[in-house]
C-alpha cells in the first residue's frame, strides 16, 4: 500500500512555495507577485523562481 497524502500536508508543503533556480532556496509568496517580478530570493537576490515539484523526478 502506498502512502496516504493528507490535504493539510499538501497545502503546507506545496501551496505558494517557489524555489530559486540559482541557489535552491525555498520562498513562500503569491503567484501573482512572482509573475510580476516583485519577489526576490533572500539569499542570492535573483528573481528567477519556479514552483516546487510535487513529486520527485527519477
Protein backbone atom coordinates (compact mmCIF):
# COMPACT_ATOMS: atom_id res chain seq x y z
CA UNK A 1 0.00 0.00 0.00
CA UNK A 2 1.21 3.47 -0.87
CA UNK A 3 1.46 6.45 1.36
CA UNK A 4 -1.67 8.45 2.01
CA UNK A 5 -1.40 12.14 1.30
CA UNK A 6 -3.20 14.44 3.68
CA UNK A 7 -4.68 17.61 2.18
CA UNK A 8 -3.38 19.68 5.11
CA UNK A 9 0.17 18.48 4.50
CA UNK A 10 -0.09 19.00 0.74
CA UNK A 11 -1.23 22.56 1.34
CA UNK A 12 1.57 23.30 3.79
CA UNK A 13 4.32 21.79 1.62
CA UNK A 14 3.32 22.90 -1.88
CA UNK A 15 0.85 25.82 -1.79
CA UNK A 16 2.52 29.13 -2.78
CA UNK A 17 6.04 27.63 -2.40
CA UNK A 18 8.64 28.56 -5.01
CA UNK A 19 12.29 27.57 -5.44
CA UNK A 20 15.13 29.81 -6.58
CA UNK A 21 16.62 28.46 -9.79
CA UNK A 22 20.12 29.71 -8.91
CA UNK A 23 20.64 28.74 -5.26
CA UNK A 24 17.72 26.40 -4.47
CA UNK A 25 16.24 28.41 -1.59
CA UNK A 26 12.54 27.95 -0.87
CA UNK A 27 10.33 31.04 -0.74
CA UNK A 28 6.61 31.30 0.06
CA UNK A 29 4.85 34.03 -1.94
CA UNK A 30 1.76 34.72 -4.01
CA UNK A 31 1.82 33.56 -7.62
CA UNK A 32 0.75 36.97 -8.91
CA UNK A 33 3.71 38.68 -7.21
CA UNK A 34 6.11 36.07 -8.64
CA UNK A 35 4.73 36.66 -12.15
CA UNK A 36 5.01 40.43 -11.73
CA UNK A 37 8.68 40.11 -10.68
CA UNK A 38 8.16 41.71 -7.27
CA UNK A 39 9.67 38.84 -5.26
CA UNK A 40 13.41 38.20 -4.99
CA UNK A 41 15.39 35.36 -3.43
CA UNK A 42 16.58 36.21 0.08
CA UNK A 43 19.94 34.51 -0.40
CA UNK A 44 21.12 35.49 -3.88
CA UNK A 45 18.67 38.31 -4.83
CA UNK A 46 17.67 36.52 -8.03
CA UNK A 47 14.17 36.88 -9.50
CA UNK A 48 14.28 33.52 -11.27
CA UNK A 49 11.82 31.42 -9.27
CA UNK A 50 9.90 28.27 -10.18
CA UNK A 51 7.09 26.36 -8.49
CA UNK A 52 8.21 23.48 -6.28
CA UNK A 53 7.83 19.99 -7.81
CA UNK A 54 5.14 17.92 -6.11
CA UNK A 55 6.73 14.57 -6.98
CA UNK A 56 10.36 13.57 -7.08
CA UNK A 57 11.69 13.05 -10.60
CA UNK A 58 13.65 9.84 -11.14
